[in-house]
Structure formats: structure tokens, C-alpha cells
Amino acid sequence: MEQIKNWVDQYADDLYRWATFKISDHAVAEDLVQDTFLAAVKGYSGFQGKSNPKTWLFSILNNKIVDYYRKQFKNREHHNDTQERLSQQLTDGFFDNEDMWKVEKRPQEWIVEEEHLLDNHEFRGVLKNCLEELPKKWHAAVQLKYLDEKDGHSICQELDITPTNFWQIIRRAKLQLRECIETNWFKEN
């Protein structure tokens, strides 16, 4: 088990950064990294050294992250009803009774002076805060689709939702993100 101790010293920080990026909850990220090393201890005899230990540990961690998201969204009928009502409330204000944009909510033209806005540390902070303001399921769907670049079918399986629900979540999340970014970045700068 000395090898596992060495791996903890070598890879724990990288694993933690990755888990924090994927989950955005430091306590959960710490737990997932600990679970990763526990799984590595249990499965160490099956590790044949055919891959880099870091690759193997990241593979375990990614499976732990997927399991985390699955557990978050399975068997939550009451929670889903509450989330649906909340999501409807969050997006109702964008459109009038004829499903047309309300004048004050129409998308504004974003004038970006920087070629790569995502390279701007301050903008990434605003984006992260806007993502964290989304309901958990929305955040997970956006994270998986746009940051992890997973396909819709995989996301539906991981979050245990229907394709129609997935696209509705994405649509609503994009509306909220746009408004949040406009308010906290473009109107501020």
C-alpha cells in the first residue's frame, strides 16, 4: 500500500482540482477524491500497470462523478415537481402571453473586445457564479453538455431524464445564463 500513499502525494491535488471543476462543491470534491483512493486500494490487485496510475485514478474519479450526478437526480419525484415549478417561474418573465420576447428581456448585443473571453479570469468568475445560481439539475446538464461535451443521449441517461426534458432544461438554463451574464458582466463592464 506504500504505492497508494505515493499516488496520494503525487495526484491528490490534480484529482481535487478536476473534481472541483466538475462538481463546483469543494466538500463533495474532497469526498469524491477520497472515494477514488479507497476504490484504488480495493482494486489495486486488479491494476496491472498497463496504463499510467494517474490515468487509472482519473478514470475511477470520473466514474465517481457520474455516480454522484446519478444519485442527485434519481427517485426525486417531489423534488422534480418543485424544480419544475421553480424553473417555470425563472423563465416566465422572458416572454409575453403570445410567446414573444418582452421588450426589457430581449437579448442584448454583446460587444466583446477580447477575442477569447473565456481566457479572462474575471469573466470566468462571473460565468462560474452564474452557473452556480442555476438549479442543480440545470447546472449538471449544462456542465455535461457544454463543458464535458457529452451527447444528449448520455446526459439523459446520467441524469435520468427524457430527451424532451433535457432540451427544455438546456433552453431554460441558457436563458438564465444569458440574463445573468448580461447583468453581471456586460452591464458592469
N, C-alpha and C. Protein backbone atom coordinates (compact mmCIF):
# COMPACT_ATOMS: atom_id res chain seq x y z
N MET A 1 0.80 -1.19 0.00
CA MET A 1 0.00 0.00 0.00
C MET A 1 0.85 1.26 0.00
N GLU A 2 2.14 1.10 0.09
CA GLU A 2 3.05 2.26 0.00
C GLU A 2 2.87 2.98 -1.33
N GLN A 3 2.58 2.21 -2.38
CA GLN A 3 2.37 2.79 -3.70
C GLN A 3 1.17 3.74 -3.70
N ILE A 4 0.09 3.36 -3.03
CA ILE A 4 -1.10 4.21 -2.95
C ILE A 4 -0.75 5.50 -2.21
N LYS A 5 0.02 5.42 -1.13
CA LYS A 5 0.44 6.62 -0.41
C LYS A 5 1.22 7.55 -1.33
N ASN A 6 2.07 6.99 -2.15
CA ASN A 6 2.83 7.82 -3.11
C ASN A 6 1.89 8.47 -4.12
N TRP A 7 0.89 7.72 -4.56
CA TRP A 7 -0.07 8.28 -5.52
C TRP A 7 -0.88 9.41 -4.90
N VAL A 8 -1.21 9.26 -3.62
CA VAL A 8 -1.93 10.33 -2.93
C VAL A 8 -1.08 11.60 -2.97
N ASP A 9 0.20 11.46 -2.63
CA ASP A 9 1.10 12.62 -2.65
C ASP A 9 1.23 13.21 -4.06
N GLN A 10 1.31 12.35 -5.06
CA GLN A 10 1.54 12.80 -6.43
C GLN A 10 0.29 13.36 -7.10
N TYR A 11 -0.87 12.75 -6.88
CA TYR A 11 -2.03 13.03 -7.72
C TYR A 11 -3.25 13.64 -7.02
N ALA A 12 -3.23 13.69 -5.70
CA ALA A 12 -4.43 14.16 -4.98
C ALA A 12 -4.82 15.58 -5.39
N ASP A 13 -3.86 16.47 -5.52
CA ASP A 13 -4.19 17.85 -5.89
C ASP A 13 -4.81 17.94 -7.27
N ASP A 14 -4.26 17.20 -8.23
CA ASP A 14 -4.82 17.21 -9.59
C ASP A 14 -6.23 16.63 -9.60
N LEU A 15 -6.43 15.55 -8.88
CA LEU A 15 -7.75 14.93 -8.80
C LEU A 15 -8.76 15.88 -8.15
N TYR A 16 -8.32 16.56 -7.10
CA TYR A 16 -9.21 17.50 -6.41
C TYR A 16 -9.59 18.67 -7.33
N ARG A 17 -8.62 19.21 -8.05
CA ARG A 17 -8.92 20.31 -8.98
C ARG A 17 -9.94 19.87 -10.03
N TRP A 18 -9.75 18.66 -10.55
CA TRP A 18 -10.67 18.14 -11.57
C TRP A 18 -12.07 17.94 -10.97
N ALA A 19 -12.14 17.36 -9.80
CA ALA A 19 -13.45 17.12 -9.16
C ALA A 19 -14.14 18.45 -8.85
N THR A 20 -13.40 19.43 -8.39
CA THR A 20 -13.97 20.75 -8.10
C THR A 20 -14.49 21.40 -9.37
N PHE A 21 -13.75 21.27 -10.45
CA PHE A 21 -14.18 21.81 -11.74
C PHE A 21 -15.48 21.15 -12.19
N LYS A 22 -15.59 19.85 -12.00
CA LYS A 22 -16.76 19.10 -12.46
C LYS A 22 -17.97 19.29 -11.55
N ILE A 23 -17.77 19.45 -10.25
CA ILE A 23 -18.86 19.45 -9.29
C ILE A 23 -19.15 20.85 -8.74
N SER A 24 -18.15 21.69 -8.61
CA SER A 24 -18.28 23.04 -8.05
C SER A 24 -18.69 23.05 -6.58
N ASP A 25 -18.42 21.99 -5.89
CA ASP A 25 -18.69 21.90 -4.45
C ASP A 25 -17.44 21.29 -3.82
N HIS A 26 -16.73 22.10 -3.05
CA HIS A 26 -15.44 21.67 -2.52
C HIS A 26 -15.55 20.46 -1.59
N ALA A 27 -16.55 20.44 -0.76
CA ALA A 27 -16.71 19.31 0.17
C ALA A 27 -17.00 18.02 -0.59
N VAL A 28 -17.88 18.10 -1.59
CA VAL A 28 -18.19 16.90 -2.39
C VAL A 28 -16.95 16.48 -3.17
N ALA A 29 -16.21 17.44 -3.70
CA ALA A 29 -14.99 17.12 -4.45
C ALA A 29 -14.00 16.37 -3.56
N GLU A 30 -13.83 16.84 -2.33
CA GLU A 30 -12.93 16.14 -1.39
C GLU A 30 -13.39 14.71 -1.15
N ASP A 31 -14.70 14.55 -0.94
CA ASP A 31 -15.24 13.20 -0.71
C ASP A 31 -15.01 12.30 -1.91
N LEU A 32 -15.20 12.84 -3.11
CA LEU A 32 -15.01 12.03 -4.33
C LEU A 32 -13.55 11.62 -4.50
N VAL A 33 -12.63 12.50 -4.16
CA VAL A 33 -11.22 12.15 -4.26
C VAL A 33 -10.89 11.06 -3.22
N GLN A 34 -11.41 11.19 -2.02
CA GLN A 34 -11.19 10.15 -1.01
C GLN A 34 -11.78 8.82 -1.47
N ASP A 35 -12.99 8.88 -2.04
CA ASP A 35 -13.62 7.66 -2.55
C ASP A 35 -12.79 7.05 -3.68
N THR A 36 -12.17 7.90 -4.46
CA THR A 36 -11.32 7.42 -5.55
C THR A 36 -10.14 6.62 -5.00
N PHE A 37 -9.50 7.16 -3.98
CA PHE A 37 -8.36 6.45 -3.41
C PHE A 37 -8.80 5.17 -2.66
N LEU A 38 -9.97 5.21 -2.05
CA LEU A 38 -10.47 3.98 -1.41
C LEU A 38 -10.73 2.90 -2.47
N ALA A 39 -11.32 3.32 -3.59
CA ALA A 39 -11.55 2.37 -4.68
C ALA A 39 -10.23 1.86 -5.25
N ALA A 40 -9.23 2.73 -5.29
CA ALA A 40 -7.91 2.31 -5.78
C ALA A 40 -7.28 1.28 -4.85
N VAL A 41 -7.46 1.46 -3.54
CA VAL A 41 -6.94 0.49 -2.58
C VAL A 41 -7.63 -0.86 -2.79
N LYS A 42 -8.98 -0.82 -2.92
CA LYS A 42 -9.73 -2.06 -3.10
C LYS A 42 -9.40 -2.74 -4.42
N GLY A 43 -9.15 -1.95 -5.46
CA GLY A 43 -8.92 -2.53 -6.77
C GLY A 43 -7.46 -2.62 -7.17
N TYR A 44 -6.57 -2.34 -6.22
CA TYR A 44 -5.14 -2.30 -6.53
C TYR A 44 -4.63 -3.61 -7.12
N SER A 45 -5.13 -4.72 -6.65
CA SER A 45 -4.65 -6.01 -7.17
C SER A 45 -5.03 -6.18 -8.64
N GLY A 46 -6.09 -5.49 -9.08
CA GLY A 46 -6.50 -5.58 -10.48
C GLY A 46 -5.77 -4.59 -11.38
N PHE A 47 -5.04 -3.65 -10.78
CA PHE A 47 -4.27 -2.69 -11.57
C PHE A 47 -3.00 -3.37 -12.07
N GLN A 48 -2.92 -3.54 -13.38
CA GLN A 48 -1.82 -4.30 -13.96
C GLN A 48 -0.69 -3.41 -14.45
N GLY A 49 -0.83 -2.11 -14.29
CA GLY A 49 0.22 -1.21 -14.72
C GLY A 49 0.27 -0.99 -16.22
N LYS A 50 -0.80 -1.40 -16.93
CA LYS A 50 -0.83 -1.21 -18.39
C LYS A 50 -1.10 0.25 -18.75
N SER A 51 -1.65 0.99 -17.80
CA SER A 51 -1.87 2.42 -18.02
C SER A 51 -1.12 3.18 -16.93
N ASN A 52 -1.00 4.45 -17.14
CA ASN A 52 -0.37 5.32 -16.16
C ASN A 52 -1.27 5.35 -14.91
N PRO A 53 -0.71 5.30 -13.71
CA PRO A 53 -1.53 5.34 -12.49
C PRO A 53 -2.45 6.56 -12.45
N LYS A 54 -1.96 7.68 -12.93
CA LYS A 54 -2.77 8.90 -12.93
C LYS A 54 -4.00 8.71 -13.83
N THR A 55 -3.81 8.09 -14.98
CA THR A 55 -4.93 7.82 -15.89
C THR A 55 -5.94 6.90 -15.22
N TRP A 56 -5.45 5.89 -14.55
CA TRP A 56 -6.32 4.94 -13.86
C TRP A 56 -7.12 5.65 -12.76
N LEU A 57 -6.45 6.49 -11.97
CA LEU A 57 -7.13 7.21 -10.89
C LEU A 57 -8.16 8.20 -11.45
N PHE A 58 -7.83 8.88 -12.53
CA PHE A 58 -8.79 9.80 -13.13
C PHE A 58 -10.00 9.05 -13.69
N SER A 59 -9.77 7.86 -14.18
CA SER A 59 -10.87 7.04 -14.67
C SER A 59 -11.81 6.68 -13.52
N ILE A 60 -11.24 6.31 -12.39
CA ILE A 60 -12.04 5.99 -11.21
C ILE A 60 -12.81 7.24 -10.77
N LEU A 61 -12.12 8.38 -10.71
CA LEU A 61 -12.75 9.62 -10.29
C LEU A 61 -13.91 10.00 -11.22
N ASN A 62 -13.69 9.89 -12.52
CA ASN A 62 -14.76 10.24 -13.46
C ASN A 62 -15.99 9.36 -13.25
N ASN A 63 -15.78 8.09 -12.96
CA ASN A 63 -16.91 7.21 -12.65
C ASN A 63 -17.61 7.63 -11.36
N LYS A 64 -16.85 8.07 -10.39
CA LYS A 64 -17.42 8.56 -9.13
C LYS A 64 -18.26 9.81 -9.38
N ILE A 65 -17.79 10.68 -10.27
CA ILE A 65 -18.52 11.91 -10.60
C ILE A 65 -19.84 11.57 -11.28
N VAL A 66 -19.80 10.65 -12.23
CA VAL A 66 -21.03 10.22 -12.91
C VAL A 66 -22.01 9.64 -11.88
N ASP A 67 -21.50 8.80 -10.99
CA ASP A 67 -22.36 8.22 -9.95
C ASP A 67 -22.96 9.30 -9.06
N TYR A 68 -22.18 10.31 -8.74
CA TYR A 68 -22.66 11.42 -7.92
C TYR A 68 -23.86 12.10 -8.60
N TYR A 69 -23.72 12.42 -9.90
CA TYR A 69 -24.81 13.08 -10.62
C TYR A 69 -26.03 12.16 -10.71
N ARG A 70 -25.81 10.89 -10.93
CA ARG A 70 -26.94 9.95 -10.98
C ARG A 70 -27.71 9.96 -9.66
N LYS A 71 -26.99 9.89 -8.56
CA LYS A 71 -27.64 9.86 -7.25
C LYS A 71 -28.39 11.15 -6.97
N GLN A 72 -27.87 12.26 -7.48
CA GLN A 72 -28.51 13.55 -7.25
C GLN A 72 -29.90 13.62 -7.86
N PHE A 73 -30.11 12.91 -8.96
CA PHE A 73 -31.33 13.13 -9.72
C PHE A 73 -32.24 11.92 -9.86
N LYS A 74 -31.92 10.83 -9.19
CA LYS A 74 -32.79 9.64 -9.25
C LYS A 74 -33.80 9.68 -8.12
N ASN A 75 -34.98 9.15 -8.42
CA ASN A 75 -36.04 8.96 -7.41
C ASN A 75 -36.35 10.22 -6.62
N ARG A 76 -36.52 11.33 -7.31
CA ARG A 76 -36.82 12.60 -6.64
C ARG A 76 -38.08 13.21 -7.22
N GLU A 77 -39.17 12.47 -7.18
CA GLU A 77 -40.40 12.94 -7.80
C GLU A 77 -40.86 14.27 -7.20
N HIS A 78 -40.90 14.33 -5.89
CA HIS A 78 -41.33 15.57 -5.25
C HIS A 78 -40.36 16.69 -5.60
N HIS A 79 -39.09 16.39 -5.51
CA HIS A 79 -38.07 17.38 -5.83
C HIS A 79 -38.21 17.83 -7.28
N ASN A 80 -38.46 16.90 -8.18
CA ASN A 80 -38.61 17.24 -9.59
C ASN A 80 -39.80 18.16 -9.82
N ASP A 81 -40.91 17.90 -9.13
CA ASP A 81 -42.07 18.78 -9.25
C ASP A 81 -41.73 20.19 -8.78
N THR A 82 -41.05 20.27 -7.65
CA THR A 82 -40.65 21.57 -7.12
C THR A 82 -39.69 22.26 -8.08
N GLN A 83 -38.73 21.52 -8.61
CA GLN A 83 -37.78 22.07 -9.57
C GLN A 83 -38.49 22.57 -10.83
N GLU A 84 -39.48 21.82 -11.29
CA GLU A 84 -40.22 22.20 -12.49
C GLU A 84 -40.97 23.52 -12.25
N ARG A 85 -41.60 23.65 -11.10
CA ARG A 85 -42.30 24.90 -10.78
C ARG A 85 -41.30 26.05 -10.70
N LEU A 86 -40.17 25.81 -10.04
CA LEU A 86 -39.14 26.84 -9.93
C LEU A 86 -38.62 27.23 -11.30
N SER A 87 -38.34 26.24 -12.14
CA SER A 87 -37.80 26.54 -13.46
C SER A 87 -38.79 27.33 -14.30
N GLN A 88 -40.07 27.02 -14.16
CA GLN A 88 -41.09 27.76 -14.89
C GLN A 88 -41.12 29.21 -14.41
N GLN A 89 -41.02 29.40 -13.08
CA GLN A 89 -41.01 30.75 -12.52
C GLN A 89 -39.80 31.54 -13.01
N LEU A 90 -38.65 30.87 -13.10
CA LEU A 90 -37.43 31.55 -13.52
C LEU A 90 -37.50 32.03 -14.96
N THR A 91 -38.22 31.31 -15.81
CA THR A 91 -38.23 31.68 -17.22
C THR A 91 -39.52 32.37 -17.66
N ASP A 92 -40.54 32.39 -16.83
CA ASP A 92 -41.81 33.03 -17.21
C ASP A 92 -41.62 34.50 -17.57
N GLY A 93 -40.73 35.18 -16.91
CA GLY A 93 -40.58 36.60 -17.12
C GLY A 93 -39.96 37.01 -18.45
N PHE A 94 -39.50 36.08 -19.25
CA PHE A 94 -38.84 36.42 -20.51
C PHE A 94 -39.82 36.67 -21.66
N PHE A 95 -40.99 36.04 -21.62
CA PHE A 95 -41.90 36.08 -22.76
C PHE A 95 -43.29 36.56 -22.35
N ASP A 96 -43.99 37.15 -23.32
CA ASP A 96 -45.36 37.60 -23.04
C ASP A 96 -46.34 36.45 -23.31
N ASN A 97 -47.63 36.75 -23.27
CA ASN A 97 -48.65 35.72 -23.46
C ASN A 97 -48.66 35.12 -24.86
N GLU A 98 -48.07 35.82 -25.82
CA GLU A 98 -48.01 35.32 -27.19
C GLU A 98 -46.67 34.66 -27.49
N ASP A 99 -45.91 34.38 -26.42
CA ASP A 99 -44.60 33.73 -26.53
C ASP A 99 -43.59 34.57 -27.31
N MET A 100 -43.72 35.88 -27.18
CA MET A 100 -42.77 36.81 -27.79
C MET A 100 -41.91 37.40 -26.67
N TRP A 101 -40.68 37.79 -27.01
CA TRP A 101 -39.80 38.39 -26.02
C TRP A 101 -40.43 39.64 -25.43
N LYS A 102 -40.38 39.79 -24.13
CA LYS A 102 -40.74 41.06 -23.51
C LYS A 102 -39.65 42.05 -23.86
N VAL A 103 -40.01 43.29 -24.11
CA VAL A 103 -39.06 44.30 -24.59
C VAL A 103 -37.84 44.39 -23.68
N GLU A 104 -38.06 44.44 -22.38
CA GLU A 104 -36.95 44.61 -21.44
C GLU A 104 -36.10 43.35 -21.27
N LYS A 105 -36.59 42.22 -21.76
CA LYS A 105 -35.86 40.96 -21.61
C LYS A 105 -35.21 40.49 -22.91
N ARG A 106 -35.39 41.23 -23.99
CA ARG A 106 -34.79 40.81 -25.25
C ARG A 106 -33.28 40.71 -25.11
N PRO A 107 -32.68 39.73 -25.79
CA PRO A 107 -31.22 39.62 -25.73
C PRO A 107 -30.55 40.89 -26.27
N GLN A 108 -29.55 41.32 -25.56
CA GLN A 108 -28.77 42.48 -25.99
C GLN A 108 -27.59 42.00 -26.83
N GLU A 109 -27.10 42.88 -27.68
CA GLU A 109 -25.91 42.52 -28.46
C GLU A 109 -24.70 42.61 -27.54
N TRP A 110 -23.94 41.55 -27.51
CA TRP A 110 -22.76 41.53 -26.66
C TRP A 110 -21.57 42.01 -27.48
N ILE A 111 -20.97 43.08 -27.05
CA ILE A 111 -19.77 43.60 -27.72
C ILE A 111 -18.58 43.13 -26.91
N VAL A 112 -17.82 42.27 -27.52
CA VAL A 112 -16.67 41.66 -26.84
C VAL A 112 -15.40 42.20 -27.47
N GLU A 113 -14.62 42.91 -26.66
CA GLU A 113 -13.37 43.47 -27.17
C GLU A 113 -12.25 42.45 -27.16
N GLU A 114 -12.39 41.47 -26.29
CA GLU A 114 -11.38 40.41 -26.23
C GLU A 114 -11.75 39.31 -27.21
N GLU A 115 -10.76 38.76 -27.86
CA GLU A 115 -11.03 37.69 -28.81
C GLU A 115 -11.46 36.41 -28.11
N HIS A 116 -10.88 36.13 -26.97
CA HIS A 116 -11.17 34.90 -26.23
C HIS A 116 -11.63 35.26 -24.83
N LEU A 117 -12.91 35.51 -24.69
CA LEU A 117 -13.47 35.94 -23.41
C LEU A 117 -13.23 34.91 -22.31
N LEU A 118 -13.23 33.62 -22.66
CA LEU A 118 -13.01 32.59 -21.65
C LEU A 118 -11.58 32.59 -21.10
N ASP A 119 -10.68 33.32 -21.75
CA ASP A 119 -9.32 33.46 -21.22
C ASP A 119 -9.25 34.52 -20.12
N ASN A 120 -10.32 35.30 -19.98
CA ASN A 120 -10.37 36.37 -18.98
C ASN A 120 -10.77 35.77 -17.63
N HIS A 121 -9.88 35.86 -16.67
CA HIS A 121 -10.10 35.28 -15.34
C HIS A 121 -11.35 35.86 -14.68
N GLU A 122 -11.56 37.17 -14.78
CA GLU A 122 -12.72 37.79 -14.14
C GLU A 122 -14.02 37.32 -14.79
N PHE A 123 -14.03 37.18 -16.12
CA PHE A 123 -15.23 36.68 -16.79
C PHE A 123 -15.53 35.25 -16.37
N ARG A 124 -14.48 34.41 -16.27
CA ARG A 124 -14.70 33.03 -15.84
C ARG A 124 -15.32 32.99 -14.44
N GLY A 125 -14.94 33.93 -13.59
CA GLY A 125 -15.54 34.00 -12.25
C GLY A 125 -17.02 34.34 -12.32
N VAL A 126 -17.38 35.30 -13.19
CA VAL A 126 -18.79 35.65 -13.38
C VAL A 126 -19.55 34.45 -13.92
N LEU A 127 -18.98 33.79 -14.93
CA LEU A 127 -19.63 32.62 -15.52
C LEU A 127 -19.83 31.53 -14.47
N LYS A 128 -18.82 31.29 -13.66
CA LYS A 128 -18.93 30.26 -12.61
C LYS A 128 -20.05 30.61 -11.63
N ASN A 129 -20.12 31.88 -11.23
CA ASN A 129 -21.18 32.29 -10.31
C ASN A 129 -22.55 32.14 -10.95
N CYS A 130 -22.65 32.48 -12.23
CA CYS A 130 -23.93 32.34 -12.93
C CYS A 130 -24.34 30.87 -13.02
N LEU A 131 -23.38 30.00 -13.29
CA LEU A 131 -23.67 28.56 -13.34
C LEU A 131 -24.14 28.06 -11.98
N GLU A 132 -23.51 28.54 -10.92
CA GLU A 132 -23.87 28.08 -9.58
C GLU A 132 -25.25 28.57 -9.15
N GLU A 133 -25.74 29.63 -9.78
CA GLU A 133 -27.08 30.13 -9.45
C GLU A 133 -28.18 29.29 -10.09
N LEU A 134 -27.82 28.48 -11.08
CA LEU A 134 -28.81 27.64 -11.73
C LEU A 134 -29.27 26.54 -10.78
N PRO A 135 -30.51 26.05 -10.94
CA PRO A 135 -30.91 24.86 -10.18
C PRO A 135 -29.93 23.72 -10.49
N LYS A 136 -29.74 22.82 -9.53
CA LYS A 136 -28.71 21.78 -9.65
C LYS A 136 -28.82 20.96 -10.93
N LYS A 137 -30.02 20.58 -11.30
CA LYS A 137 -30.18 19.75 -12.50
C LYS A 137 -29.78 20.53 -13.75
N TRP A 138 -30.13 21.80 -13.78
CA TRP A 138 -29.76 22.64 -14.92
C TRP A 138 -28.24 22.76 -15.00
N HIS A 139 -27.64 23.02 -13.84
CA HIS A 139 -26.18 23.15 -13.79
C HIS A 139 -25.51 21.88 -14.30
N ALA A 140 -26.01 20.75 -13.83
CA ALA A 140 -25.44 19.47 -14.26
C ALA A 140 -25.59 19.28 -15.76
N ALA A 141 -26.77 19.59 -16.30
CA ALA A 141 -26.99 19.42 -17.74
C ALA A 141 -26.07 20.32 -18.56
N VAL A 142 -25.93 21.57 -18.16
CA VAL A 142 -25.04 22.50 -18.88
C VAL A 142 -23.60 22.03 -18.77
N GLN A 143 -23.20 21.64 -17.57
CA GLN A 143 -21.84 21.15 -17.34
C GLN A 143 -21.53 19.97 -18.26
N LEU A 144 -22.42 19.00 -18.28
CA LEU A 144 -22.19 17.80 -19.07
C LEU A 144 -22.21 18.09 -20.57
N LYS A 145 -23.11 18.96 -21.02
CA LYS A 145 -23.23 19.23 -22.46
C LYS A 145 -22.12 20.14 -22.98
N TYR A 146 -21.91 21.26 -22.34
CA TYR A 146 -21.02 22.27 -22.91
C TYR A 146 -19.59 22.22 -22.38
N LEU A 147 -19.40 21.77 -21.17
CA LEU A 147 -18.05 21.72 -20.63
C LEU A 147 -17.43 20.33 -20.77
N ASP A 148 -18.25 19.29 -20.58
CA ASP A 148 -17.75 17.93 -20.72
C ASP A 148 -17.97 17.39 -22.13
N GLU A 149 -18.75 18.13 -22.93
CA GLU A 149 -19.02 17.81 -24.34
C GLU A 149 -19.61 16.41 -24.52
N LYS A 150 -20.54 16.06 -23.63
CA LYS A 150 -21.23 14.77 -23.76
C LYS A 150 -22.43 14.95 -24.67
N ASP A 151 -22.85 13.85 -25.30
CA ASP A 151 -24.01 13.92 -26.18
C ASP A 151 -25.29 13.84 -25.34
N GLY A 152 -26.39 14.30 -25.94
CA GLY A 152 -27.67 14.36 -25.25
C GLY A 152 -28.14 13.03 -24.70
N HIS A 153 -27.96 11.97 -25.48
CA HIS A 153 -28.39 10.64 -25.04
C HIS A 153 -27.68 10.24 -23.75
N SER A 154 -26.37 10.44 -23.69
CA SER A 154 -25.60 10.09 -22.49
C SER A 154 -26.04 10.92 -21.29
N ILE A 155 -26.30 12.20 -21.54
CA ILE A 155 -26.70 13.08 -20.45
C ILE A 155 -28.06 12.65 -19.91
N CYS A 156 -28.98 12.31 -20.81
CA CYS A 156 -30.30 11.85 -20.37
C CYS A 156 -30.18 10.61 -19.50
N GLN A 157 -29.28 9.71 -19.86
CA GLN A 157 -29.08 8.50 -19.05
C GLN A 157 -28.48 8.85 -17.70
N GLU A 158 -27.47 9.71 -17.70
CA GLU A 158 -26.79 10.05 -16.45
C GLU A 158 -27.72 10.79 -15.49
N LEU A 159 -28.57 11.68 -16.02
CA LEU A 159 -29.45 12.46 -15.17
C LEU A 159 -30.83 11.83 -15.01
N ASP A 160 -31.05 10.72 -15.71
CA ASP A 160 -32.32 10.01 -15.66
C ASP A 160 -33.49 10.93 -16.02
N ILE A 161 -33.35 11.57 -17.20
CA ILE A 161 -34.39 12.47 -17.70
C ILE A 161 -34.69 12.10 -19.14
N THR A 162 -35.83 12.57 -19.64
CA THR A 162 -36.21 12.31 -21.03
C THR A 162 -35.52 13.33 -21.94
N PRO A 163 -35.39 13.01 -23.23
CA PRO A 163 -34.80 13.98 -24.16
C PRO A 163 -35.57 15.31 -24.19
N THR A 164 -36.89 15.25 -24.11
CA THR A 164 -37.68 16.48 -24.12
C THR A 164 -37.36 17.32 -22.89
N ASN A 165 -37.28 16.68 -21.74
CA ASN A 165 -36.93 17.38 -20.52
C ASN A 165 -35.52 17.97 -20.61
N PHE A 166 -34.60 17.20 -21.18
CA PHE A 166 -33.22 17.68 -21.33
C PHE A 166 -33.17 18.96 -22.15
N TRP A 167 -33.83 18.98 -23.30
CA TRP A 167 -33.77 20.17 -24.16
C TRP A 167 -34.50 21.34 -23.52
N GLN A 168 -35.53 21.07 -22.75
CA GLN A 168 -36.22 22.14 -22.03
C GLN A 168 -35.30 22.71 -20.95
N ILE A 169 -34.60 21.85 -20.26
CA ILE A 169 -33.65 22.30 -19.24
C ILE A 169 -32.55 23.15 -19.88
N ILE A 170 -32.00 22.69 -20.98
CA ILE A 170 -30.93 23.43 -21.66
C ILE A 170 -31.44 24.80 -22.10
N ARG A 171 -32.64 24.84 -22.67
CA ARG A 171 -33.21 26.11 -23.14
C ARG A 171 -33.36 27.08 -21.98
N ARG A 172 -33.94 26.61 -20.90
CA ARG A 172 -34.16 27.47 -19.74
C ARG A 172 -32.85 27.90 -19.10
N ALA A 173 -31.91 26.98 -19.01
CA ALA A 173 -30.60 27.31 -18.43
C ALA A 173 -29.90 28.38 -19.26
N LYS A 174 -29.98 28.26 -20.58
CA LYS A 174 -29.33 29.26 -21.44
C LYS A 174 -29.97 30.63 -21.27
N LEU A 175 -31.29 30.67 -21.10
CA LEU A 175 -31.96 31.95 -20.85
C LEU A 175 -31.45 32.58 -19.55
N GLN A 176 -31.39 31.77 -18.50
CA GLN A 176 -30.92 32.28 -17.22
C GLN A 176 -29.45 32.71 -17.28
N LEU A 177 -28.62 31.90 -17.94
CA LEU A 177 -27.20 32.25 -18.04
C LEU A 177 -27.01 33.54 -18.82
N ARG A 178 -27.77 33.69 -19.91
CA ARG A 178 -27.65 34.90 -20.71
C ARG A 178 -27.99 36.12 -19.86
N GLU A 179 -29.10 36.05 -19.15
CA GLU A 179 -29.50 37.20 -18.34
C GLU A 179 -28.47 37.48 -17.24
N CYS A 180 -28.00 36.45 -16.59
CA CYS A 180 -27.01 36.61 -15.53
C CYS A 180 -25.71 37.22 -16.06
N ILE A 181 -25.25 36.75 -17.19
CA ILE A 181 -24.01 37.27 -17.77
C ILE A 181 -24.20 38.71 -18.23
N GLU A 182 -25.34 39.00 -18.85
CA GLU A 182 -25.61 40.38 -19.26
C GLU A 182 -25.60 41.31 -18.05
N THR A 183 -26.25 40.89 -16.97
CA THR A 183 -26.35 41.71 -15.78
C THR A 183 -25.02 41.87 -15.07
N ASN A 184 -24.28 40.77 -14.95
CA ASN A 184 -23.06 40.78 -14.12
C ASN A 184 -21.77 41.01 -14.89
N TRP A 185 -21.82 40.98 -16.21
CA TRP A 185 -20.59 41.21 -16.97
C TRP A 185 -20.75 42.39 -17.92
N PHE A 186 -21.69 42.30 -18.83
CA PHE A 186 -21.78 43.31 -19.87
C PHE A 186 -22.31 44.64 -19.37
N LYS A 187 -23.22 44.62 -18.41
CA LYS A 187 -23.72 45.89 -17.85
C LYS A 187 -22.76 46.46 -16.83
N GLU A 188 -21.96 45.59 -16.22
CA GLU A 188 -20.97 46.02 -15.23
C GLU A 188 -19.72 46.59 -15.89
N ASN A 189 -19.35 46.05 -17.06
CA ASN A 189 -18.09 46.46 -17.71
C ASN A 189 -18.29 47.48 -18.77
